[in-house]
Amino acid sequence: MPTYDYVCDACEHEFELFQSITEQPKRKCPECRRMKLRRRIGPGAAIVFKGSGFYKTDYRSDSYKKAAAADKGDSASKGKSADSKKPEAKKAAEGSATAAGN
């Protein structure tokens, strides 16, 4: 429900009131009881984020994160195996070079 600002033109009493959008504006001031109450037109209500945080819905799901982590782990293990083959290839190349040099 929206919050509306009211002001009384007779006694200048100001207050906020939670009302349904379909409800008619109040006319009677709760302070002086005159029918001089008017609803103010303002910039609108501020955005209020409640709960654990709106950002949770803005990011990827947990299942996506787990799959990405698994893919990252697979690529890391492939990278390690490729790196481990490189020294062996270097040793083989060095061995053939020394054999050719003799």
PDB file of N, CA and C in Angstrom:
ATOM      1  N   MET A   1       0.836  -1.179   0.000  1.00  0.00           N
ATOM      2  CA  MET A   1       0.000   0.000   0.000  1.00  0.00           C
ATOM      3  C   MET A   1       0.882   1.243   0.000  1.00  0.00           C
ATOM      4  N   PRO A   2       0.498   2.234  -0.756  1.00  0.00           N
ATOM      5  CA  PRO A   2       1.291   3.461  -0.794  1.00  0.00           C
ATOM      6  C   PRO A   2       1.072   4.350   0.428  1.00  0.00           C
ATOM      7  N   THR A   3       2.036   5.209   0.671  1.00  0.00           N
ATOM      8  CA  THR A   3       1.962   6.197   1.739  1.00  0.00           C
ATOM      9  C   THR A   3       1.643   7.548   1.114  1.00  0.00           C
ATOM     10  N   TYR A   4       0.644   8.213   1.654  1.00  0.00           N
ATOM     11  CA  TYR A   4       0.249   9.533   1.156  1.00  0.00           C
ATOM     12  C   TYR A   4       0.526  10.582   2.216  1.00  0.00           C
ATOM     13  N   ASP A   5       0.961  11.753   1.779  1.00  0.00           N
ATOM     14  CA  ASP A   5       1.178  12.899   2.668  1.00  0.00           C
ATOM     15  C   ASP A   5      -0.076  13.763   2.653  1.00  0.00           C
ATOM     16  N   TYR A   6      -0.518  14.135   3.848  1.00  0.00           N
ATOM     17  CA  TYR A   6      -1.692  15.010   3.990  1.00  0.00           C
ATOM     18  C   TYR A   6      -1.303  16.255   4.755  1.00  0.00           C
ATOM     19  N   VAL A   7      -2.010  17.353   4.467  1.00  0.00           N
ATOM     20  CA  VAL A   7      -1.836  18.598   5.201  1.00  0.00           C
ATOM     21  C   VAL A   7      -3.214  19.241   5.368  1.00  0.00           C
ATOM     22  N   CYS A   8      -3.437  19.821   6.542  1.00  0.00           N
ATOM     23  CA  CYS A   8      -4.688  20.516   6.809  1.00  0.00           C
ATOM     24  C   CYS A   8      -4.492  22.000   6.509  1.00  0.00           C
ATOM     25  N   ASP A   9      -5.383  22.555   5.705  1.00  0.00           N
ATOM     26  CA  ASP A   9      -5.296  23.979   5.367  1.00  0.00           C
ATOM     27  C   ASP A   9      -5.745  24.869   6.524  1.00  0.00           C
ATOM     28  N   ALA A  10      -6.470  24.316   7.488  1.00  0.00           N
ATOM     29  CA  ALA A  10      -6.959  25.107   8.625  1.00  0.00           C
ATOM     30  C   ALA A  10      -5.904  25.204   9.736  1.00  0.00           C
ATOM     31  N   CYS A  11      -5.395  24.069  10.184  1.00  0.00           N
ATOM     32  CA  CYS A  11      -4.462  24.069  11.321  1.00  0.00           C
ATOM     33  C   CYS A  11      -3.021  23.739  10.914  1.00  0.00           C
ATOM     34  N   GLU A  12      -2.773  23.463   9.647  1.00  0.00           N
ATOM     35  CA  GLU A  12      -1.463  23.138   9.101  1.00  0.00           C
ATOM     36  C   GLU A  12      -0.854  21.861   9.674  1.00  0.00           C
ATOM     37  N   HIS A  13      -1.694  20.974  10.158  1.00  0.00           N
ATOM     38  CA  HIS A  13      -1.241  19.667  10.649  1.00  0.00           C
ATOM     39  C   HIS A  13      -0.818  18.820   9.449  1.00  0.00           C
ATOM     40  N   GLU A  14       0.368  18.205   9.550  1.00  0.00           N
ATOM     41  CA  GLU A  14       0.886  17.363   8.477  1.00  0.00           C
ATOM     42  C   GLU A  14       1.090  15.950   9.002  1.00  0.00           C
ATOM     43  N   PHE A  15       0.779  14.950   8.159  1.00  0.00           N
ATOM     44  CA  PHE A  15       0.982  13.554   8.533  1.00  0.00           C
ATOM     45  C   PHE A  15       0.999  12.682   7.288  1.00  0.00           C
ATOM     46  N   GLU A  16       1.445  11.439   7.492  1.00  0.00           N
ATOM     47  CA  GLU A  16       1.452  10.439   6.435  1.00  0.00           C
ATOM     48  C   GLU A  16       0.401   9.394   6.757  1.00  0.00           C
ATOM     49  N   LEU A  17      -0.183   8.816   5.709  1.00  0.00           N
ATOM     50  CA  LEU A  17      -1.225   7.825   5.902  1.00  0.00           C
ATOM     51  C   LEU A  17      -1.061   6.708   4.873  1.00  0.00           C
ATOM     52  N   PHE A  18      -1.092   5.453   5.344  1.00  0.00           N
ATOM     53  CA  PHE A  18      -1.072   4.305   4.447  1.00  0.00           C
ATOM     54  C   PHE A  18      -2.489   4.065   3.968  1.00  0.00           C
ATOM     55  N   GLN A  19      -2.662   4.111   2.661  1.00  0.00           N
ATOM     56  CA  GLN A  19      -3.990   3.916   2.091  1.00  0.00           C
ATOM     57  C   GLN A  19      -3.895   3.050   0.852  1.00  0.00           C
ATOM     58  N   SER A  20      -4.982   2.377   0.558  1.00  0.00           N
ATOM     59  CA  SER A  20      -5.088   1.645  -0.689  1.00  0.00           C
ATOM     60  C   SER A  20      -5.184   2.645  -1.832  1.00  0.00           C
ATOM     61  N   ILE A  21      -4.745   2.250  -2.988  1.00  0.00           N
ATOM     62  CA  ILE A  21      -4.799   3.139  -4.152  1.00  0.00           C
ATOM     63  C   ILE A  21      -6.243   3.460  -4.524  1.00  0.00           C
ATOM     64  N   THR A  22      -7.135   2.505  -4.320  1.00  0.00           N
ATOM     65  CA  THR A  22      -8.537   2.699  -4.695  1.00  0.00           C
ATOM     66  C   THR A  22      -9.331   3.472  -3.656  1.00  0.00           C
ATOM     67  N   GLU A  23      -8.779   3.675  -2.466  1.00  0.00           N
ATOM     68  CA  GLU A  23      -9.490   4.386  -1.402  1.00  0.00           C
ATOM     69  C   GLU A  23      -9.542   5.887  -1.698  1.00  0.00           C
ATOM     70  N   GLN A  24     -10.646   6.509  -1.368  1.00  0.00           N
ATOM     71  CA  GLN A  24     -10.825   7.946  -1.585  1.00  0.00           C
ATOM     72  C   GLN A  24      -9.939   8.737  -0.616  1.00  0.00           C
ATOM     73  N   PRO A  25      -9.431   9.906  -1.033  1.00  0.00           N
ATOM     74  CA  PRO A  25      -8.618  10.735  -0.130  1.00  0.00           C
ATOM     75  C   PRO A  25      -9.425  11.176   1.089  1.00  0.00           C
ATOM     76  N   LYS A  26      -8.749  11.256   2.232  1.00  0.00           N
ATOM     77  CA  LYS A  26      -9.399  11.707   3.464  1.00  0.00           C
ATOM     78  C   LYS A  26      -9.669  13.203   3.378  1.00  0.00           C
ATOM     79  N   ARG A  27     -10.755  13.651   3.996  1.00  0.00           N
ATOM     80  CA  ARG A  27     -11.139  15.068   3.951  1.00  0.00           C
ATOM     81  C   ARG A  27     -11.134  15.714   5.330  1.00  0.00           C
ATOM     82  N   LYS A  28     -11.320  14.915   6.395  1.00  0.00           N
ATOM     83  CA  LYS A  28     -11.442  15.453   7.744  1.00  0.00           C
ATOM     84  C   LYS A  28     -10.108  15.363   8.481  1.00  0.00           C
ATOM     85  N   CYS A  29      -9.650  16.487   9.008  1.00  0.00           N
ATOM     86  CA  CYS A  29      -8.385  16.549   9.740  1.00  0.00           C
ATOM     87  C   CYS A  29      -8.527  15.827  11.088  1.00  0.00           C
ATOM     88  N   PRO A  30      -7.591  14.959  11.458  1.00  0.00           N
ATOM     89  CA  PRO A  30      -7.670  14.280  12.756  1.00  0.00           C
ATOM     90  C   PRO A  30      -7.356  15.209  13.937  1.00  0.00           C
ATOM     91  N   GLU A  31      -6.734  16.356  13.703  1.00  0.00           N
ATOM     92  CA  GLU A  31      -6.394  17.301  14.765  1.00  0.00           C
ATOM     93  C   GLU A  31      -7.550  18.250  15.083  1.00  0.00           C
ATOM     94  N   CYS A  32      -7.943  19.035  14.077  1.00  0.00           N
ATOM     95  CA  CYS A  32      -8.951  20.068  14.325  1.00  0.00           C
ATOM     96  C   CYS A  32     -10.366  19.638  13.907  1.00  0.00           C
ATOM     97  N   ARG A  33     -10.494  18.495  13.286  1.00  0.00           N
ATOM     98  CA  ARG A  33     -11.780  17.917  12.856  1.00  0.00           C
ATOM     99  C   ARG A  33     -12.497  18.736  11.779  1.00  0.00           C
ATOM    100  N   ARG A  34     -11.801  19.622  11.112  1.00  0.00           N
ATOM    101  CA  ARG A  34     -12.408  20.392  10.024  1.00  0.00           C
ATOM    102  C   ARG A  34     -12.247  19.628   8.705  1.00  0.00           C
ATOM    103  N   MET A  35     -13.028  19.982   7.740  1.00  0.00           N
ATOM    104  CA  MET A  35     -12.995  19.337   6.430  1.00  0.00           C
ATOM    105  C   MET A  35     -12.047  20.080   5.487  1.00  0.00           C
ATOM    106  N   LYS A  36     -10.870  20.387   5.970  1.00  0.00           N
ATOM    107  CA  LYS A  36      -9.891  21.148   5.204  1.00  0.00           C
ATOM    108  C   LYS A  36      -8.637  20.325   4.877  1.00  0.00           C
ATOM    109  N   LEU A  37      -8.735  19.031   4.986  1.00  0.00           N
ATOM    110  CA  LEU A  37      -7.589  18.162   4.738  1.00  0.00           C
ATOM    111  C   LEU A  37      -7.388  17.982   3.236  1.00  0.00           C
ATOM    112  N   ARG A  38      -6.129  18.015   2.819  1.00  0.00           N
ATOM    113  CA  ARG A  38      -5.844  17.807   1.399  1.00  0.00           C
ATOM    114  C   ARG A  38      -4.616  16.923   1.262  1.00  0.00           C
ATOM    115  N   ARG A  39      -4.652  16.082   0.228  1.00  0.00           N
ATOM    116  CA  ARG A  39      -3.548  15.179  -0.055  1.00  0.00           C
ATOM    117  C   ARG A  39      -2.490  15.937  -0.852  1.00  0.00           C
ATOM    118  N   ARG A  40      -1.260  15.856  -0.397  1.00  0.00           N
ATOM    119  CA  ARG A  40      -0.154  16.509  -1.104  1.00  0.00           C
ATOM    120  C   ARG A  40       0.285  15.648  -2.280  1.00  0.00           C
ATOM    121  N   ILE A  41       0.700  16.344  -3.299  1.00  0.00           N
ATOM    122  CA  ILE A  41       1.301  15.650  -4.436  1.00  0.00           C
ATOM    123  C   ILE A  41       2.798  15.779  -4.272  1.00  0.00           C
ATOM    124  N   GLY A  42       3.475  14.646  -4.162  1.00  0.00           N
ATOM    125  CA  GLY A  42       4.911  14.663  -3.915  1.00  0.00           C
ATOM    126  C   GLY A  42       5.670  13.868  -4.955  1.00  0.00           C
ATOM    127  N   PRO A  43       6.949  13.692  -4.702  1.00  0.00           N
ATOM    128  CA  PRO A  43       7.796  12.989  -5.661  1.00  0.00           C
ATOM    129  C   PRO A  43       7.553  11.483  -5.684  1.00  0.00           C
ATOM    130  N   GLY A  44       6.762  10.977  -4.755  1.00  0.00           N
ATOM    131  CA  GLY A  44       6.522   9.542  -4.703  1.00  0.00           C
ATOM    132  C   GLY A  44       7.274   8.904  -3.557  1.00  0.00           C
ATOM    133  N   ALA A  45       7.027   7.658  -3.376  1.00  0.00           N
ATOM    134  CA  ALA A  45       7.637   6.939  -2.265  1.00  0.00           C
ATOM    135  C   ALA A  45       9.065   6.536  -2.612  1.00  0.00           C
ATOM    136  N   ALA A  46       9.868   6.430  -1.586  1.00  0.00           N
ATOM    137  CA  ALA A  46      11.243   5.969  -1.767  1.00  0.00           C
ATOM    138  C   ALA A  46      11.240   4.455  -1.919  1.00  0.00           C
ATOM    139  N   ILE A  47      12.264   3.945  -2.571  1.00  0.00           N
ATOM    140  CA  ILE A  47      12.402   2.497  -2.729  1.00  0.00           C
ATOM    141  C   ILE A  47      13.003   1.951  -1.443  1.00  0.00           C
ATOM    142  N   VAL A  48      12.377   0.933  -0.901  1.00  0.00           N
ATOM    143  CA  VAL A  48      12.858   0.313   0.322  1.00  0.00           C
ATOM    144  C   VAL A  48      13.139  -1.151   0.017  1.00  0.00           C
ATOM    145  N   PHE A  49      14.387  -1.570   0.208  1.00  0.00           N
ATOM    146  CA  PHE A  49      14.763  -2.957   0.003  1.00  0.00           C
ATOM    147  C   PHE A  49      14.686  -3.661   1.348  1.00  0.00           C
ATOM    148  N   LYS A  50      13.864  -4.690   1.418  1.00  0.00           N
ATOM    149  CA  LYS A  50      13.701  -5.422   2.667  1.00  0.00           C
ATOM    150  C   LYS A  50      14.194  -6.843   2.483  1.00  0.00           C
ATOM    151  N   GLY A  51      14.560  -7.467   3.567  1.00  0.00           N
ATOM    152  CA  GLY A  51      14.961  -8.865   3.512  1.00  0.00           C
ATOM    153  C   GLY A  51      16.469  -9.011   3.462  1.00  0.00           C
ATOM    154  N   SER A  52      16.892 -10.176   2.953  1.00  0.00           N
ATOM    155  CA  SER A  52      18.314 -10.491   2.956  1.00  0.00           C
ATOM    156  C   SER A  52      19.082  -9.758   1.877  1.00  0.00           C
ATOM    157  N   GLY A  53      18.404  -9.189   0.911  1.00  0.00           N
ATOM    158  CA  GLY A  53      19.102  -8.402  -0.099  1.00  0.00           C
ATOM    159  C   GLY A  53      18.559  -8.654  -1.481  1.00  0.00           C
ATOM    160  N   PHE A  54      18.372  -7.607  -2.229  1.00  0.00           N
ATOM    161  CA  PHE A  54      17.841  -7.717  -3.577  1.00  0.00           C
ATOM    162  C   PHE A  54      18.870  -8.275  -4.536  1.00  0.00           C
ATOM    163  N   TYR A  55      20.147  -8.167  -4.205  1.00  0.00           N
ATOM    164  CA  TYR A  55      21.207  -8.563  -5.111  1.00  0.00           C
ATOM    165  C   TYR A  55      21.231 -10.061  -5.369  1.00  0.00           C
ATOM    166  N   LYS A  56      20.622 -10.861  -4.500  1.00  0.00           N
ATOM    167  CA  LYS A  56      20.646 -12.314  -4.682  1.00  0.00           C
ATOM    168  C   LYS A  56      19.956 -12.735  -5.961  1.00  0.00           C
ATOM    169  N   THR A  57      18.985 -11.974  -6.382  1.00  0.00           N
ATOM    170  CA  THR A  57      18.273 -12.332  -7.606  1.00  0.00           C
ATOM    171  C   THR A  57      18.963 -11.769  -8.843  1.00  0.00           C
ATOM    172  N   ASP A  58      19.956 -10.919  -8.649  1.00  0.00           N
ATOM    173  CA  ASP A  58      20.621 -10.294  -9.778  1.00  0.00           C
ATOM    174  C   ASP A  58      21.799 -11.105 -10.304  1.00  0.00           C
ATOM    175  N   TYR A  59      22.193 -12.143  -9.611  1.00  0.00           N
ATOM    176  CA  TYR A  59      23.354 -12.913 -10.010  1.00  0.00           C
ATOM    177  C   TYR A  59      22.963 -14.329 -10.388  1.00  0.00           C
ATOM    178  N   ARG A  60      23.922 -15.072 -10.873  1.00  0.00           N
ATOM    179  CA  ARG A  60      23.685 -16.436 -11.337  1.00  0.00           C
ATOM    180  C   ARG A  60      23.242 -17.340 -10.187  1.00  0.00           C
ATOM    181  N   SER A  61      22.566 -18.419 -10.548  1.00  0.00           N
ATOM    182  CA  SER A  61      22.090 -19.368  -9.553  1.00  0.00           C
ATOM    183  C   SER A  61      23.256 -20.190  -9.010  1.00  0.00           C
ATOM    184  N   ASP A  62      23.020 -20.866  -7.899  1.00  0.00           N
ATOM    185  CA  ASP A  62      24.060 -21.698  -7.289  1.00  0.00           C
ATOM    186  C   ASP A  62      24.453 -22.850  -8.201  1.00  0.00           C
ATOM    187  N   SER A  63      23.469 -23.418  -8.906  1.00  0.00           N
ATOM    188  CA  SER A  63      23.786 -24.536  -9.798  1.00  0.00           C
ATOM    189  C   SER A  63      24.705 -24.082 -10.930  1.00  0.00           C
ATOM    190  N   TYR A  64      24.488 -22.866 -11.426  1.00  0.00           N
ATOM    191  CA  TYR A  64      25.366 -22.327 -12.468  1.00  0.00           C
ATOM    192  C   TYR A  64      26.777 -22.130 -11.923  1.00  0.00           C
ATOM    193  N   LYS A  65      26.878 -21.594 -10.709  1.00  0.00           N
ATOM    194  CA  LYS A  65      28.184 -21.358 -10.114  1.00  0.00           C
ATOM    195  C   LYS A  65      28.941 -22.668  -9.895  1.00  0.00           C
ATOM    196  N   LYS A  66      28.217 -23.708  -9.456  1.00  0.00           N
ATOM    197  CA  LYS A  66      28.856 -25.014  -9.238  1.00  0.00           C
ATOM    198  C   LYS A  66      29.349 -25.598 -10.553  1.00  0.00           C
ATOM    199  N   ALA A  67      28.549 -25.484 -11.604  1.00  0.00           N
ATOM    200  CA  ALA A  67      28.955 -26.004 -12.915  1.00  0.00           C
ATOM    201  C   ALA A  67      30.159 -25.232 -13.443  1.00  0.00           C
ATOM    202  N   ALA A  68      30.182 -23.923 -13.229  1.00  0.00           N
ATOM    203  CA  ALA A  68      31.316 -23.111 -13.672  1.00  0.00           C
ATOM    204  C   ALA A  68      32.577 -23.478 -12.904  1.00  0.00           C
ATOM    205  N   ALA A  69      32.426 -23.734 -11.601  1.00  0.00           N
ATOM    206  CA  ALA A  69      33.577 -24.132 -10.795  1.00  0.00           C
ATOM    207  C   ALA A  69      34.095 -25.494 -11.240  1.00  0.00           C
ATOM    208  N   ALA A  70      33.182 -26.411 -11.574  1.00  0.00           N
ATOM    209  CA  ALA A  70      33.589 -27.732 -12.056  1.00  0.00           C
ATOM    210  C   ALA A  70      34.318 -27.606 -13.389  1.00  0.00           C
ATOM    211  N   ASP A  71      33.820 -26.759 -14.279  1.00  0.00           N
ATOM    212  CA  ASP A  71      34.495 -26.532 -15.556  1.00  0.00           C
ATOM    213  C   ASP A  71      35.873 -25.912 -15.348  1.00  0.00           C
ATOM    214  N   LYS A  72      35.958 -25.002 -14.402  1.00  0.00           N
ATOM    215  CA  LYS A  72      37.237 -24.358 -14.108  1.00  0.00           C
ATOM    216  C   LYS A  72      38.217 -25.393 -13.564  1.00  0.00           C
ATOM    217  N   GLY A  73      37.727 -26.301 -12.718  1.00  0.00           N
ATOM    218  CA  GLY A  73      38.573 -27.367 -12.168  1.00  0.00           C
ATOM    219  C   GLY A  73      39.049 -28.306 -13.260  1.00  0.00           C
ATOM    220  N   ASP A  74      38.195 -28.633 -14.224  1.00  0.00           N
ATOM    221  CA  ASP A  74      38.574 -29.508 -15.333  1.00  0.00           C
ATOM    222  C   ASP A  74      39.626 -28.847 -16.207  1.00  0.00           C
ATOM    223  N   SER A  75      39.444 -27.567 -16.493  1.00  0.00           N
ATOM    224  CA  SER A  75      40.402 -26.864 -17.341  1.00  0.00           C
ATOM    225  C   SER A  75      41.737 -26.693 -16.617  1.00  0.00           C
ATOM    226  N   ALA A  76      41.705 -26.550 -15.309  1.00  0.00           N
ATOM    227  CA  ALA A  76      42.940 -26.423 -14.537  1.00  0.00           C
ATOM    228  C   ALA A  76      43.702 -27.745 -14.547  1.00  0.00           C
ATOM    229  N   SER A  77      42.985 -28.857 -14.427  1.00  0.00           N
ATOM    230  CA  SER A  77      43.659 -30.153 -14.443  1.00  0.00           C
ATOM    231  C   SER A  77      44.198 -30.450 -15.834  1.00  0.00           C
ATOM    232  N   LYS A  78      43.510 -30.012 -16.870  1.00  0.00           N
ATOM    233  CA  LYS A  78      44.013 -30.169 -18.240  1.00  0.00           C
ATOM    234  C   LYS A  78      45.254 -29.324 -18.430  1.00  0.00           C
ATOM    235  N   GLY A  79      45.242 -28.136 -17.866  1.00  0.00           N
ATOM    236  CA  GLY A  79      46.397 -27.253 -17.960  1.00  0.00           C
ATOM    237  C   GLY A  79      47.594 -27.835 -17.250  1.00  0.00           C
ATOM    238  N   LYS A  80      47.394 -28.459 -16.113  1.00  0.00           N
ATOM    239  CA  LYS A  80      48.484 -29.079 -15.368  1.00  0.00           C
ATOM    240  C   LYS A  80      49.055 -30.256 -16.133  1.00  0.00           C
ATOM    241  N   SER A  81      48.173 -31.049 -16.733  1.00  0.00           N
ATOM    242  CA  SER A  81      48.670 -32.204 -17.477  1.00  0.00           C
ATOM    243  C   SER A  81      49.434 -31.742 -18.705  1.00  0.00           C
ATOM    244  N   ALA A  82      48.999 -30.655 -19.319  1.00  0.00           N
ATOM    245  CA  ALA A  82      49.717 -30.112 -20.469  1.00  0.00           C
ATOM    246  C   ALA A  82      51.061 -29.557 -20.020  1.00  0.00           C
ATOM    247  N   ASP A  83      51.091 -28.898 -18.845  1.00  0.00           N
ATOM    248  CA  ASP A  83      52.338 -28.361 -18.324  1.00  0.00           C
ATOM    249  C   ASP A  83      53.287 -29.492 -17.938  1.00  0.00           C
ATOM    250  N   SER A  84      52.744 -30.580 -17.425  1.00  0.00           N
ATOM    251  CA  SER A  84      53.601 -31.687 -17.016  1.00  0.00           C
ATOM    252  C   SER A  84      54.200 -32.392 -18.227  1.00  0.00           C
ATOM    253  N   LYS A  85      53.538 -32.328 -19.363  1.00  0.00           N
ATOM    254  CA  LYS A  85      54.076 -32.932 -20.575  1.00  0.00           C
ATOM    255  C   LYS A  85      55.172 -32.068 -21.180  1.00  0.00           C
ATOM    256  N   LYS A  86      55.119 -30.797 -20.957  1.00  0.00           N
ATOM    257  CA  LYS A  86      56.099 -29.888 -21.543  1.00  0.00           C
ATOM    258  C   LYS A  86      57.520 -30.185 -21.086  1.00  0.00           C
ATOM    259  N   PRO A  87      57.790 -30.388 -19.786  1.00  0.00           N
ATOM    260  CA  PRO A  87      59.166 -30.705 -19.390  1.00  0.00           C
ATOM    261  C   PRO A  87      59.662 -32.009 -20.010  1.00  0.00           C
ATOM    262  N   GLU A  88      58.769 -32.986 -20.138  1.00  0.00           N
ATOM    263  CA  GLU A  88      59.167 -34.247 -20.752  1.00  0.00           C
ATOM    264  C   GLU A  88      59.519 -34.026 -22.214  1.00  0.00           C
ATOM    265  N   ALA A  89      58.739 -33.196 -22.881  1.00  0.00           N
ATOM    266  CA  ALA A  89      59.015 -32.907 -24.284  1.00  0.00           C
ATOM    267  C   ALA A  89      60.342 -32.162 -24.404  1.00  0.00           C
ATOM    268  N   LYS A  90      60.597 -31.260 -23.445  1.00  0.00           N
ATOM    269  CA  LYS A  90      61.862 -30.533 -23.467  1.00  0.00           C
ATOM    270  C   LYS A  90      63.030 -31.479 -23.250  1.00  0.00           C
ATOM    271  N   LYS A  91      62.894 -32.418 -22.314  1.00  0.00           N
ATOM    272  CA  LYS A  91      63.958 -33.372 -22.029  1.00  0.00           C
ATOM    273  C   LYS A  91      64.224 -34.240 -23.255  1.00  0.00           C
ATOM    274  N   ALA A  92      63.149 -34.666 -23.920  1.00  0.00           N
ATOM    275  CA  ALA A  92      63.308 -35.484 -25.122  1.00  0.00           C
ATOM    276  C   ALA A  92      64.000 -34.706 -26.213  1.00  0.00           C
ATOM    277  N   ALA A  93      63.625 -33.437 -26.363  1.00  0.00           N
ATOM    278  CA  ALA A  93      64.236 -32.598 -27.384  1.00  0.00           C
ATOM    279  C   ALA A  93      65.704 -32.358 -27.061  1.00  0.00           C
ATOM    280  N   GLU A  94      66.022 -32.130 -25.795  1.00  0.00           N
ATOM    281  CA  GLU A  94      67.390 -31.913 -25.375  1.00  0.00           C
ATOM    282  C   GLU A  94      68.228 -33.171 -25.584  1.00  0.00           C
ATOM    283  N   GLY A  95      67.615 -34.320 -25.267  1.00  0.00           N
ATOM    284  CA  GLY A  95      68.318 -35.599 -25.445  1.00  0.00           C
ATOM    285  C   GLY A  95      68.651 -35.854 -26.892  1.00  0.00           C
ATOM    286  N   SER A  96      67.738 -35.568 -27.803  1.00  0.00           N
ATOM    287  CA  SER A  96      67.994 -35.787 -29.230  1.00  0.00           C
ATOM    288  C   SER A  96      69.001 -34.770 -29.748  1.00  0.00           C
ATOM    289  N   ALA A  97      69.002 -33.558 -29.179  1.00  0.00           N
ATOM    290  CA  ALA A  97      69.956 -32.539 -29.607  1.00  0.00           C
ATOM    291  C   ALA A  97      71.355 -32.919 -29.173  1.00  0.00           C
ATOM    292  N   THR A  98      71.503 -33.440 -27.972  1.00  0.00           N
ATOM    293  CA  THR A  98      72.842 -33.844 -27.494  1.00  0.00           C
ATOM    294  C   THR A  98      73.323 -35.063 -28.249  1.00  0.00           C
ATOM    295  N   ALA A  99      72.411 -35.943 -28.608  1.00  0.00           N
ATOM    296  CA  ALA A  99      72.792 -37.130 -29.372  1.00  0.00           C
ATOM    297  C   ALA A  99      73.229 -36.719 -30.780  1.00  0.00           C
ATOM    298  N   ALA A 100      72.581 -35.742 -31.343  1.00  0.00           N
ATOM    299  CA  ALA A 100      72.942 -35.278 -32.678  1.00  0.00           C
ATOM    300  C   ALA A 100      74.255 -34.512 -32.636  1.00  0.00           C
ATOM    301  N   GLY A 101      74.520 -33.842 -31.500  1.00  0.00           N
ATOM    302  CA  GLY A 101      75.745 -33.060 -31.353  1.00  0.00           C
ATOM    303  C   GLY A 101      76.945 -33.939 -31.151  1.00  0.00           C
ATOM    304  N   ASN A 102      76.837 -35.207 -30.724  1.00  0.00           N
ATOM    305  CA  ASN A 102      77.966 -36.112 -30.467  1.00  0.00           C
ATOM    306  C   ASN A 102      78.444 -36.738 -31.679  1.00  0.00           C
TER     307      ASN A 102
END
